[in-house]
N, C-alpha and C. Protein backbone atom coordinates (compact mmCIF):
# COMPACT_ATOMS: atom_id res chain seq x y z
N UNK A 1 0.96 -1.51 -0.07
CA UNK A 1 0.42 0.06 -0.09
C UNK A 1 1.14 1.25 -0.24
N UNK A 2 1.98 1.44 0.61
CA UNK A 2 2.71 2.11 0.79
C UNK A 2 3.73 2.65 -0.23
N UNK A 3 3.78 1.59 -1.02
CA UNK A 3 4.47 1.72 -2.65
C UNK A 3 3.29 2.51 -3.60
N UNK A 4 2.24 1.82 -3.64
CA UNK A 4 1.28 2.45 -4.17
C UNK A 4 1.06 4.00 -4.04
N UNK A 5 1.06 3.80 -2.91
CA UNK A 5 1.06 5.68 -2.49
C UNK A 5 2.37 6.68 -2.83
N UNK A 6 3.26 6.04 -2.80
CA UNK A 6 4.88 6.53 -3.55
C UNK A 6 4.52 7.10 -4.97
N UNK A 7 4.39 5.64 -5.67
CA UNK A 7 3.53 5.81 -6.78
C UNK A 7 2.81 6.79 -7.56
N UNK A 8 1.61 7.16 -6.59
CA UNK A 8 0.62 8.26 -7.03
C UNK A 8 0.97 9.38 -6.67
N UNK A 9 1.76 9.69 -5.29
CA UNK A 9 2.73 10.72 -5.56
C UNK A 9 3.90 11.35 -6.36
N UNK A 10 4.68 10.57 -6.33
CA UNK A 10 6.09 10.51 -7.93
C UNK A 10 4.85 11.49 -9.38
N UNK A 11 3.53 10.17 -9.66
CA UNK A 11 3.21 10.13 -10.81
C UNK A 11 2.49 11.69 -10.98
N UNK A 12 1.84 12.16 -9.90
CA UNK A 12 1.19 13.33 -9.75
C UNK A 12 2.00 14.45 -9.95
N UNK A 13 3.35 14.47 -8.68
CA UNK A 13 4.26 15.51 -9.09
C UNK A 13 5.12 15.51 -10.40
N UNK A 14 5.60 14.67 -11.12
CA UNK A 14 6.03 14.39 -12.74
C UNK A 14 4.54 14.89 -13.47
N UNK A 15 3.23 14.33 -13.30
CA UNK A 15 2.50 15.34 -14.22
C UNK A 15 2.38 16.58 -14.29
N UNK A 16 2.05 17.37 -12.90
CA UNK A 16 2.22 18.29 -12.57
C UNK A 16 3.53 19.44 -13.13
N UNK A 17 4.57 18.71 -13.39
CA UNK A 17 6.08 19.48 -13.99
C UNK A 17 6.06 19.28 -15.07
N UNK A 18 5.16 18.56 -15.88
CA UNK A 18 5.43 18.63 -17.19
C UNK A 18 4.53 19.30 -18.31
N UNK A 19 5.30 19.58 -19.11
CA UNK A 19 4.70 20.74 -20.18
C UNK A 19 3.46 20.40 -20.91
N UNK A 20 2.80 20.74 -21.40
CA UNK A 20 1.78 20.17 -22.34
C UNK A 20 1.81 19.14 -22.78
N UNK A 21 2.85 19.16 -24.21
CA UNK A 21 3.41 18.05 -24.38
C UNK A 21 3.63 16.94 -23.72
N UNK A 22 4.23 16.89 -22.42
CA UNK A 22 4.34 15.61 -21.80
C UNK A 22 3.22 15.28 -21.21
N UNK A 23 2.11 16.55 -20.70
CA UNK A 23 1.18 15.90 -20.08
C UNK A 23 -0.15 15.25 -21.30
N UNK A 24 0.12 15.43 -22.86
CA UNK A 24 -0.42 14.86 -23.84
C UNK A 24 0.15 13.44 -23.49
N UNK A 25 1.44 13.45 -23.61
CA UNK A 25 1.72 11.75 -23.87
C UNK A 25 1.64 10.80 -22.61
N UNK A 26 1.85 11.39 -21.15
CA UNK A 26 0.98 10.75 -19.93
C UNK A 26 -0.39 10.15 -20.38
N UNK A 27 -0.72 10.82 -20.62
CA UNK A 27 -2.50 10.66 -20.95
C UNK A 27 -2.94 9.30 -22.27
N UNK A 28 -2.26 10.20 -22.97
CA UNK A 28 -2.60 9.07 -24.13
C UNK A 28 -1.51 7.39 -23.84
N UNK A 29 -0.84 7.44 -23.35
CA UNK A 29 0.10 6.27 -22.20
C UNK A 29 -1.13 5.77 -21.61
N UNK A 30 -1.76 6.78 -20.82
CA UNK A 30 -2.70 6.19 -19.79
C UNK A 30 -3.59 5.56 -20.46
N UNK A 31 -4.05 6.13 -21.22
CA UNK A 31 -5.48 5.58 -21.97
C UNK A 31 -5.03 4.31 -22.72
N UNK A 32 -4.10 4.25 -23.07
CA UNK A 32 -3.49 2.91 -24.06
C UNK A 32 -3.05 1.91 -22.88
N UNK A 33 -3.11 1.97 -22.07
CA UNK A 33 -3.03 1.25 -21.02
C UNK A 33 -4.25 0.62 -20.63
N UNK A 34 -5.19 1.19 -20.34
CA UNK A 34 -6.60 1.37 -20.18
C UNK A 34 -7.21 0.76 -21.18
N UNK A 35 -7.17 0.84 -22.22
CA UNK A 35 -7.67 0.34 -23.67
C UNK A 35 -7.04 -1.08 -23.68
N UNK A 36 -5.76 -1.50 -23.30
CA UNK A 36 -5.76 -2.76 -23.26
C UNK A 36 -6.42 -3.44 -22.49
N UNK A 37 -6.49 -3.03 -21.30
CA UNK A 37 -7.41 -3.78 -20.20
C UNK A 37 -9.18 -4.00 -20.18
N UNK A 38 -9.63 -2.96 -21.19
CA UNK A 38 -10.81 -2.99 -21.69
C UNK A 38 -11.33 -3.80 -22.44
N UNK A 39 -10.22 -4.16 -23.64
CA UNK A 39 -10.50 -4.02 -24.97
C UNK A 39 -9.78 -5.84 -25.39
N UNK A 40 -11.06 -6.41 -26.19
CA UNK A 40 -10.44 -8.00 -26.40
C UNK A 40 -9.02 -7.77 -27.16
N UNK A 41 -7.95 -8.75 -26.84
CA UNK A 41 -6.62 -8.29 -27.18
C UNK A 41 -6.96 -8.89 -28.75
N UNK A 42 -5.90 -9.05 -29.90
CA UNK A 42 -5.79 -9.81 -30.85
C UNK A 42 -6.40 -10.86 -31.25
N UNK A 43 -5.62 -11.88 -30.20
CA UNK A 43 -6.22 -13.19 -30.35
C UNK A 43 -7.34 -13.62 -29.48
N UNK A 44 -7.99 -13.09 -28.90
CA UNK A 44 -8.72 -13.17 -27.94
C UNK A 44 -9.91 -14.00 -28.52
N UNK A 45 -10.72 -14.90 -27.59
CA UNK A 45 -11.83 -15.95 -28.36
C UNK A 45 -12.89 -15.28 -28.95
N UNK A 46 -13.12 -14.14 -27.97
CA UNK A 46 -14.58 -13.42 -28.54
C UNK A 46 -14.12 -12.62 -29.77
N UNK A 47 -12.25 -12.00 -29.96
CA UNK A 47 -12.67 -11.42 -31.06
C UNK A 47 -12.63 -12.29 -32.24
N UNK A 48 -11.96 -13.39 -32.31
CA UNK A 48 -12.20 -14.77 -33.31
C UNK A 48 -13.36 -14.66 -33.47
N UNK A 49 -14.18 -15.09 -32.67
CA UNK A 49 -15.59 -15.29 -33.08
C UNK A 49 -16.13 -14.04 -33.59
N UNK A 50 -15.86 -12.76 -33.47
CA UNK A 50 -16.66 -11.68 -33.74
C UNK A 50 -16.03 -11.65 -35.45
N UNK A 51 -14.75 -11.30 -35.33
CA UNK A 51 -14.12 -11.48 -36.94
C UNK A 51 -14.58 -12.62 -37.97
N UNK A 52 -14.69 -13.69 -37.38
CA UNK A 52 -14.86 -14.93 -38.14
C UNK A 52 -16.37 -14.96 -38.52
N UNK A 53 -17.05 -14.23 -37.60
CA UNK A 53 -18.77 -13.70 -38.04
C UNK A 53 -18.76 -12.93 -39.12
N UNK A 54 -18.11 -11.96 -39.11
CA UNK A 54 -17.53 -10.53 -39.92
C UNK A 54 -17.34 -10.93 -41.48
N UNK A 55 -16.46 -12.28 -41.19
CA UNK A 55 -16.11 -12.51 -42.22
C UNK A 55 -16.78 -13.30 -43.15
N UNK A 56 -18.09 -13.92 -42.48
CA UNK A 56 -19.30 -14.48 -43.06
C UNK A 56 -18.77 -16.30 -42.76
N UNK A 57 -18.72 -16.13 -41.86
CA UNK A 57 -18.77 -17.42 -40.70
C UNK A 57 -18.02 -18.59 -40.84
N UNK A 58 -16.97 -18.43 -42.57
CA UNK A 58 -15.97 -19.44 -42.88
C UNK A 58 -15.02 -18.74 -43.77
N UNK A 59 -13.82 -19.44 -43.66
CA UNK A 59 -12.47 -19.16 -44.13
C UNK A 59 -11.79 -19.67 -43.58
N UNK A 60 -10.62 -19.69 -44.47
CA UNK A 60 -9.51 -20.45 -44.56
C UNK A 60 -8.52 -20.13 -43.15
N UNK A 61 -7.90 -21.01 -42.55
CA UNK A 61 -7.22 -20.59 -41.20
C UNK A 61 -6.11 -19.40 -41.53
N UNK A 62 -5.70 -19.52 -42.63
CA UNK A 62 -4.91 -18.41 -42.90
C UNK A 62 -5.54 -16.93 -43.29
N UNK A 63 -6.56 -17.28 -43.98
CA UNK A 63 -6.96 -15.80 -43.91
C UNK A 63 -7.26 -14.72 -42.53
N UNK A 64 -7.92 -15.74 -41.79
CA UNK A 64 -8.49 -15.27 -40.24
C UNK A 64 -7.22 -14.80 -39.46
N UNK A 65 -6.35 -15.75 -40.01
CA UNK A 65 -4.83 -15.28 -38.68
C UNK A 65 -4.54 -14.05 -39.58
N UNK A 66 -4.07 -13.83 -40.78
CA UNK A 66 -3.93 -12.58 -41.11
C UNK A 66 -4.70 -11.28 -40.85
N UNK A 67 -6.28 -11.43 -40.77
CA UNK A 67 -7.11 -10.68 -40.79
C UNK A 67 -6.84 -9.99 -39.21
N UNK A 68 -6.50 -11.10 -38.07
CA UNK A 68 -6.23 -10.96 -36.45
C UNK A 68 -5.03 -10.58 -36.57
N UNK A 69 -3.81 -10.50 -37.55
CA UNK A 69 -2.78 -9.85 -37.61
C UNK A 69 -2.26 -10.79 -36.06
N UNK A 70 -2.42 -11.82 -36.44
CA UNK A 70 -1.30 -12.40 -34.92
C UNK A 70 -0.96 -13.69 -35.65
N UNK A 71 0.15 -14.36 -34.79
CA UNK A 71 0.86 -15.41 -35.36
C UNK A 71 0.11 -16.59 -36.07
N UNK A 72 0.34 -17.10 -36.90
CA UNK A 72 -0.24 -18.17 -36.72
C UNK A 72 -0.20 -19.84 -35.58
N UNK A 73 0.78 -19.82 -34.52
CA UNK A 73 0.79 -20.19 -33.59
C UNK A 73 -0.14 -19.78 -32.50
N UNK A 74 -0.48 -18.28 -32.24
CA UNK A 74 -1.07 -18.27 -31.36
C UNK A 74 -2.74 -18.59 -31.96
N UNK A 75 -2.85 -18.27 -33.09
CA UNK A 75 -4.41 -18.72 -33.57
C UNK A 75 -4.59 -20.11 -33.70
N UNK A 76 -3.46 -20.82 -34.09
CA UNK A 76 -3.54 -22.29 -33.98
C UNK A 76 -4.45 -22.67 -32.22
N UNK A 77 -3.88 -22.00 -31.37
CA UNK A 77 -4.45 -22.41 -30.31
C UNK A 77 -5.55 -21.78 -29.67
N UNK A 78 -5.88 -20.43 -30.18
CA UNK A 78 -7.40 -20.02 -29.78
C UNK A 78 -8.37 -21.01 -30.38
N UNK A 79 -7.92 -20.97 -31.88
CA UNK A 79 -8.98 -21.72 -32.91
C UNK A 79 -9.29 -23.13 -31.65
N UNK A 80 -8.24 -23.86 -31.58
CA UNK A 80 -8.32 -25.28 -30.84
C UNK A 80 -9.23 -25.43 -29.86
N UNK A 81 -9.33 -23.87 -28.92
CA UNK A 81 -9.88 -23.70 -27.70
C UNK A 81 -11.51 -23.61 -28.24
N UNK A 82 -11.61 -22.62 -29.23
CA UNK A 82 -12.88 -22.48 -29.91
C UNK A 82 -13.25 -23.84 -30.37
N UNK A 83 -12.79 -24.82 -30.91
CA UNK A 83 -13.29 -25.60 -31.48
C UNK A 83 -13.77 -26.89 -30.20
N UNK A 84 -12.89 -26.56 -29.52
CA UNK A 84 -13.07 -27.80 -28.10
C UNK A 84 -14.54 -27.04 -27.37
N UNK A 85 -14.68 -26.11 -27.30
CA UNK A 85 -15.82 -25.72 -27.08
C UNK A 85 -17.07 -25.88 -27.71
N UNK A 86 -17.06 -26.42 -28.83
CA UNK A 86 -18.08 -26.26 -30.18
C UNK A 86 -18.02 -24.86 -30.64
N UNK A 87 -17.53 -24.48 -30.82
CA UNK A 87 -18.04 -22.85 -31.41
C UNK A 87 -17.66 -23.15 -32.43
N UNK A 88 -16.49 -23.69 -33.05
CA UNK A 88 -16.19 -23.86 -34.43
C UNK A 88 -15.91 -24.93 -34.68
N UNK A 89 -15.84 -25.37 -36.36
CA UNK A 89 -14.95 -26.61 -36.82
C UNK A 89 -14.47 -26.61 -37.78
N UNK A 90 -13.33 -27.28 -38.06
CA UNK A 90 -12.28 -26.75 -38.78
C UNK A 90 -12.22 -27.96 -39.79
N UNK A 91 -12.03 -27.85 -41.25
CA UNK A 91 -11.79 -28.94 -41.96
C UNK A 91 -11.16 -28.56 -43.02
N UNK A 92 -10.69 -29.77 -43.54
CA UNK A 92 -9.53 -29.72 -44.56
C UNK A 92 -9.66 -28.67 -45.80
N UNK A 93 -9.79 -28.04 -46.69
CA UNK A 93 -10.12 -27.46 -47.57
C UNK A 93 -10.36 -28.04 -49.19
N UNK A 94 -11.69 -27.87 -49.51
CA UNK A 94 -11.63 -29.21 -50.74
C UNK A 94 -10.59 -28.58 -51.71
N UNK A 95 -10.44 -27.52 -52.08
CA UNK A 95 -9.74 -26.44 -53.16
C UNK A 95 -8.08 -27.25 -52.85
N UNK A 96 -7.68 -27.32 -51.84
CA UNK A 96 -6.33 -26.89 -51.60
C UNK A 96 -6.29 -27.79 -49.97
N UNK A 97 -6.07 -28.79 -50.19
CA UNK A 97 -6.08 -29.84 -48.72
C UNK A 97 -5.13 -29.17 -47.96
N UNK A 98 -3.82 -28.14 -48.06
CA UNK A 98 -3.14 -27.87 -47.21
C UNK A 98 -3.74 -26.97 -46.42
N UNK A 99 -4.74 -26.55 -46.62
CA UNK A 99 -5.33 -25.23 -45.98
C UNK A 99 -6.76 -25.96 -45.39
N UNK A 100 -7.04 -25.09 -44.24
CA UNK A 100 -8.29 -25.65 -43.56
C UNK A 100 -8.80 -24.40 -43.28
N UNK A 101 -9.90 -25.19 -43.65
CA UNK A 101 -11.33 -24.06 -43.41
C UNK A 101 -11.35 -23.79 -41.81
N UNK A 102 -11.62 -22.89 -41.25
CA UNK A 102 -12.19 -22.51 -40.21
C UNK A 102 -13.66 -22.08 -40.36
N UNK A 103 -14.88 -22.76 -39.65
CA UNK A 103 -16.51 -22.25 -39.68
C UNK A 103 -16.86 -22.23 -38.36
N UNK A 104 -17.91 -21.12 -38.39
CA UNK A 104 -18.71 -21.18 -36.97
C UNK A 104 -19.98 -21.93 -36.82
N UNK A 105 -20.37 -22.59 -35.56
CA UNK A 105 -21.26 -23.83 -35.50
C UNK A 105 -22.35 -22.32 -35.18
N UNK A 106 -23.55 -23.17 -35.10
CA UNK A 106 -25.06 -22.38 -35.03
C UNK A 106 -24.47 -21.57 -33.38
N UNK A 107 -24.04 -22.97 -32.39
CA UNK A 107 -23.44 -21.79 -31.26
C UNK A 107 -22.51 -20.86 -31.20
N UNK A 108 -21.44 -20.90 -32.18
CA UNK A 108 -20.08 -19.99 -32.38
C UNK A 108 -20.81 -18.88 -32.83
N UNK A 109 -21.95 -18.79 -33.89
CA UNK A 109 -22.64 -17.80 -34.16
C UNK A 109 -23.50 -16.76 -33.30
N UNK A 110 -23.94 -17.88 -32.17
CA UNK A 110 -24.83 -16.86 -31.04
C UNK A 110 -23.58 -16.67 -29.97
N UNK A 111 -22.80 -16.98 -29.76
CA UNK A 111 -21.38 -16.34 -29.22
C UNK A 111 -20.73 -15.26 -29.81
N UNK A 112 -20.85 -15.15 -30.77
CA UNK A 112 -20.14 -14.11 -31.37
C UNK A 112 -21.28 -12.74 -31.65
N UNK A 113 -22.40 -13.11 -32.03
CA UNK A 113 -23.47 -11.79 -32.24
C UNK A 113 -23.58 -11.66 -30.67
N UNK A 114 -23.02 -12.33 -29.60
CA UNK A 114 -23.34 -11.68 -27.96
C UNK A 114 -22.10 -11.64 -27.74
N UNK A 115 -20.92 -11.55 -28.08
CA UNK A 115 -19.79 -10.95 -27.68
C UNK A 115 -19.73 -9.29 -28.64
N UNK A 116 -20.12 -9.46 -29.83
CA UNK A 116 -20.41 -8.09 -30.39
C UNK A 116 -21.18 -7.28 -29.50
N UNK A 117 -22.17 -7.99 -29.44
CA UNK A 117 -23.40 -7.05 -28.24
C UNK A 117 -22.64 -6.11 -27.08
N UNK A 118 -21.77 -7.13 -26.54
CA UNK A 118 -20.98 -6.63 -25.47
C UNK A 118 -19.84 -5.98 -26.24
N UNK A 119 -19.36 -5.71 -27.17
CA UNK A 119 -18.47 -4.88 -27.13
C UNK A 119 -19.36 -3.44 -27.13
N UNK A 120 -20.08 -3.58 -28.06
CA UNK A 120 -20.43 -2.47 -28.48
C UNK A 120 -21.18 -1.83 -27.11
N UNK A 121 -21.77 -2.60 -26.48
CA UNK A 121 -22.33 -1.76 -24.82
C UNK A 121 -20.77 -1.16 -23.93
N UNK A 122 -19.52 -2.41 -23.86
CA UNK A 122 -18.49 -1.69 -23.73
C UNK A 122 -18.01 -0.08 -24.14
N UNK A 123 -17.81 -0.19 -25.58
CA UNK A 123 -17.68 1.25 -26.18
C UNK A 123 -18.33 2.40 -25.68
N UNK A 124 -19.79 2.09 -25.58
CA UNK A 124 -20.39 3.11 -25.26
C UNK A 124 -20.33 3.72 -23.64
N UNK A 125 -19.87 2.53 -23.46
CA UNK A 125 -19.90 2.71 -21.97
C UNK A 125 -18.71 3.81 -21.29
N UNK A 126 -17.61 3.46 -22.42
CA UNK A 126 -15.92 3.93 -22.39
C UNK A 126 -16.42 5.46 -22.41
N UNK A 127 -17.18 6.11 -23.33
CA UNK A 127 -17.34 7.54 -23.40
C UNK A 127 -18.48 8.20 -23.19
N UNK A 128 -19.26 7.78 -22.01
CA UNK A 128 -20.06 8.28 -21.17
C UNK A 128 -20.16 9.33 -21.03
N UNK A 129 -18.70 9.82 -20.30
CA UNK A 129 -18.23 10.90 -19.82
C UNK A 129 -18.28 12.43 -20.73
N UNK A 130 -18.59 11.52 -22.19
CA UNK A 130 -18.25 13.11 -23.15
C UNK A 130 -19.74 13.18 -24.18
N UNK A 131 -20.06 14.32 -24.32
CA UNK A 131 -21.52 14.91 -25.28
C UNK A 131 -21.09 14.19 -26.57
N UNK A 132 -21.88 14.02 -27.49
CA UNK A 132 -21.78 13.72 -29.02
C UNK A 132 -20.66 14.87 -29.74
N UNK A 133 -20.84 16.10 -29.00
CA UNK A 133 -19.63 17.25 -29.96
C UNK A 133 -18.82 16.93 -29.51
N UNK A 134 -18.02 16.49 -28.31
CA UNK A 134 -17.06 16.44 -27.77
C UNK A 134 -16.47 14.82 -28.28
N UNK A 135 -17.08 13.99 -28.47
CA UNK A 135 -16.70 12.49 -29.23
C UNK A 135 -16.47 13.07 -30.76
N UNK A 136 -17.43 13.77 -31.43
CA UNK A 136 -16.94 14.06 -32.96
C UNK A 136 -15.88 15.11 -33.11
N UNK A 137 -15.11 15.67 -31.74
CA UNK A 137 -14.12 16.74 -31.59
C UNK A 137 -12.60 16.11 -31.61
N UNK A 138 -12.89 14.95 -30.59
CA UNK A 138 -11.98 13.92 -30.27
C UNK A 138 -11.50 12.91 -31.24
N UNK A 139 -12.50 12.39 -31.89
CA UNK A 139 -12.55 11.71 -33.11
C UNK A 139 -11.75 12.47 -34.09
N UNK A 140 -11.71 13.87 -34.85
CA UNK A 140 -11.23 14.75 -35.63
C UNK A 140 -9.73 14.67 -35.19
N UNK A 141 -9.43 15.10 -33.45
CA UNK A 141 -8.20 15.28 -33.45
C UNK A 141 -7.05 14.09 -33.25
N UNK A 142 -8.03 12.86 -33.12
CA UNK A 142 -7.23 11.85 -32.96
C UNK A 142 -6.55 11.38 -34.16
N UNK A 143 -7.94 11.54 -35.39
CA UNK A 143 -7.59 11.09 -36.78
C UNK A 143 -6.31 12.15 -37.20
N UNK A 144 -6.58 13.07 -36.86
CA UNK A 144 -5.30 13.99 -37.45
C UNK A 144 -4.10 13.90 -36.71
N UNK A 145 -3.55 13.51 -35.63
CA UNK A 145 -2.63 13.09 -35.17
C UNK A 145 -2.25 11.35 -35.62
N UNK A 146 -3.27 10.84 -35.83
CA UNK A 146 -2.70 9.30 -36.47
C UNK A 146 -2.32 9.50 -37.68
N UNK A 147 -3.00 10.02 -38.56
CA UNK A 147 -2.30 10.63 -40.17
C UNK A 147 -0.80 11.18 -39.77
N UNK A 148 -0.90 12.11 -38.99
CA UNK A 148 0.17 12.86 -39.08
C UNK A 148 1.30 12.07 -38.62
N UNK A 149 1.43 11.38 -37.83
CA UNK A 149 2.41 10.84 -37.13
C UNK A 149 2.54 9.11 -38.00
N UNK A 150 1.41 8.86 -38.81
CA UNK A 150 1.72 7.81 -39.71
C UNK A 150 2.92 8.42 -40.73
N UNK A 151 2.94 9.42 -41.41
CA UNK A 151 3.64 10.21 -41.98
C UNK A 151 4.55 10.38 -41.82
N UNK A 152 5.05 11.27 -40.39
CA UNK A 152 6.12 11.44 -39.97
C UNK A 152 7.32 10.44 -39.42
N UNK A 153 6.75 9.36 -38.67
CA UNK A 153 6.97 8.32 -38.20
C UNK A 153 7.20 7.00 -38.46
N UNK A 154 6.94 6.66 -40.26
CA UNK A 154 6.61 5.83 -40.59
C UNK A 154 7.46 4.13 -40.18
N UNK A 155 8.51 4.60 -39.61
CA UNK A 155 9.58 3.16 -39.58
C UNK A 155 8.90 2.95 -37.92
N UNK A 156 7.90 3.60 -37.28
CA UNK A 156 7.54 3.10 -35.82
C UNK A 156 6.75 1.89 -35.94
N UNK A 157 6.57 1.14 -37.17
CA UNK A 157 5.73 -0.15 -37.26
C UNK A 157 4.54 0.11 -36.60
N UNK A 158 3.98 1.47 -36.23
CA UNK A 158 2.42 1.42 -35.60
C UNK A 158 1.24 1.61 -36.34
N UNK A 159 1.63 1.13 -37.61
CA UNK A 159 0.26 1.41 -38.69
C UNK A 159 -1.05 0.92 -37.94
N UNK A 160 -2.19 1.57 -38.09
CA UNK A 160 -3.21 1.23 -37.56
C UNK A 160 -4.29 0.61 -38.34
N UNK A 161 -4.19 -0.46 -39.18
CA UNK A 161 -4.72 -0.94 -40.32
C UNK A 161 -6.26 -1.09 -39.96
N UNK A 162 -6.93 -1.21 -38.53
CA UNK A 162 -8.19 -1.56 -38.03
C UNK A 162 -8.81 -0.29 -38.12
N UNK A 163 -8.26 0.94 -38.25
CA UNK A 163 -9.75 1.90 -38.37
C UNK A 163 -10.86 2.20 -39.19
N UNK A 164 -11.59 2.26 -38.81
CA UNK A 164 -12.92 2.39 -39.40
C UNK A 164 -13.08 1.19 -40.86
N UNK A 165 -12.78 0.12 -40.54
CA UNK A 165 -13.18 -1.04 -41.66
C UNK A 165 -14.44 -1.19 -42.01
N UNK A 166 -14.56 -1.37 -43.21
CA UNK A 166 -16.01 -1.91 -43.50
C UNK A 166 -16.08 -3.04 -44.01
N UNK A 167 -16.85 -3.90 -44.22
CA UNK A 167 -16.92 -4.90 -44.49
C UNK A 167 -16.56 -5.75 -45.55
N UNK A 168 -15.95 -4.94 -46.49
CA UNK A 168 -14.87 -5.40 -47.30
C UNK A 168 -13.27 -4.70 -46.81
N UNK A 169 -13.43 -4.43 -45.73
CA UNK A 169 -11.98 -3.98 -45.28
C UNK A 169 -11.50 -2.97 -44.95
N UNK A 170 -11.79 -2.13 -46.29
CA UNK A 170 -11.30 -1.11 -46.79
C UNK A 170 -11.70 -0.12 -45.41
N UNK A 171 -10.56 1.05 -45.92
CA UNK A 171 -11.20 2.25 -44.64
C UNK A 171 -12.22 3.06 -44.96
N UNK A 172 -13.15 3.02 -43.78
CA UNK A 172 -14.22 4.15 -44.04
C UNK A 172 -13.97 5.02 -43.36
N UNK A 173 -13.58 6.59 -43.60
CA UNK A 173 -13.30 7.34 -43.05
C UNK A 173 -15.09 8.26 -42.02
N UNK A 174 -14.78 8.63 -40.81
CA UNK A 174 -15.74 9.11 -39.96
C UNK A 174 -16.82 10.03 -41.15
N UNK A 175 -17.82 10.39 -40.95
CA UNK A 175 -18.02 11.03 -41.71
C UNK A 175 -17.85 12.89 -41.49
N UNK A 176 -17.43 13.24 -40.49
CA UNK A 176 -16.89 14.58 -40.15
C UNK A 176 -15.84 14.48 -40.08
N UNK A 177 -14.65 13.52 -40.49
CA UNK A 177 -13.35 13.63 -40.97
C UNK A 177 -12.69 14.39 -41.87
N UNK A 178 -12.45 15.72 -41.48
CA UNK A 178 -11.72 16.86 -42.61
C UNK A 178 -10.37 16.33 -42.56
N UNK A 179 -10.13 15.48 -41.81
CA UNK A 179 -8.22 15.11 -41.73
C UNK A 179 -8.53 13.65 -42.56
N UNK A 180 -9.49 13.05 -43.64
CA UNK A 180 -9.30 11.77 -43.61
C UNK A 180 -8.84 11.31 -44.31
N UNK A 181 -8.36 9.99 -44.02
CA UNK A 181 -7.32 9.37 -44.63
C UNK A 181 -7.83 8.69 -45.95
N UNK A 182 -7.15 8.45 -46.70
CA UNK A 182 -7.70 8.04 -48.23
C UNK A 182 -7.33 6.51 -48.36
N UNK A 183 -8.43 5.80 -48.78
CA UNK A 183 -8.31 4.35 -48.18
C UNK A 183 -7.39 3.81 -49.33
N UNK A 184 -7.15 2.51 -48.98
CA UNK A 184 -5.51 1.87 -49.54
C UNK A 184 -5.63 0.95 -50.96
């Protein structure tokens, strides 16, 4: 407990002594940490179910792994757990026996839809403290910042391909995004 109090005191003193840029970085870092805790990870079972459902319910394991942007070993582990739980089935591809098709079962489709509803509720809860206008303003600023950073810091490896993807996987800028990025 004492160590936690020391950390909080140090953090507050560090924050108060920072300039505006420093405070922005501290807040962005804190928000990033909170997002990781609130949001399912790239290879979580819920996300796999949601993504598989969005992809039509049946795709090759390779396509699913690429869409999730995870290693094939991680995908195999999660897919194996989902298969054991009865949410998906794996079959050899009829077109190419080297490929494995991954398909949702009815139980999996229901779980995917529930996971998506939970995600949408969580997203709403995450921004309850902001008005619609504030959310729009924040979105414009974050998209402007993200676009600028992608251009100026391309070697950072932080290319965010997940923004505003539509059903076809292409970028769909926010309707009020005056700094919108062009579809790839």
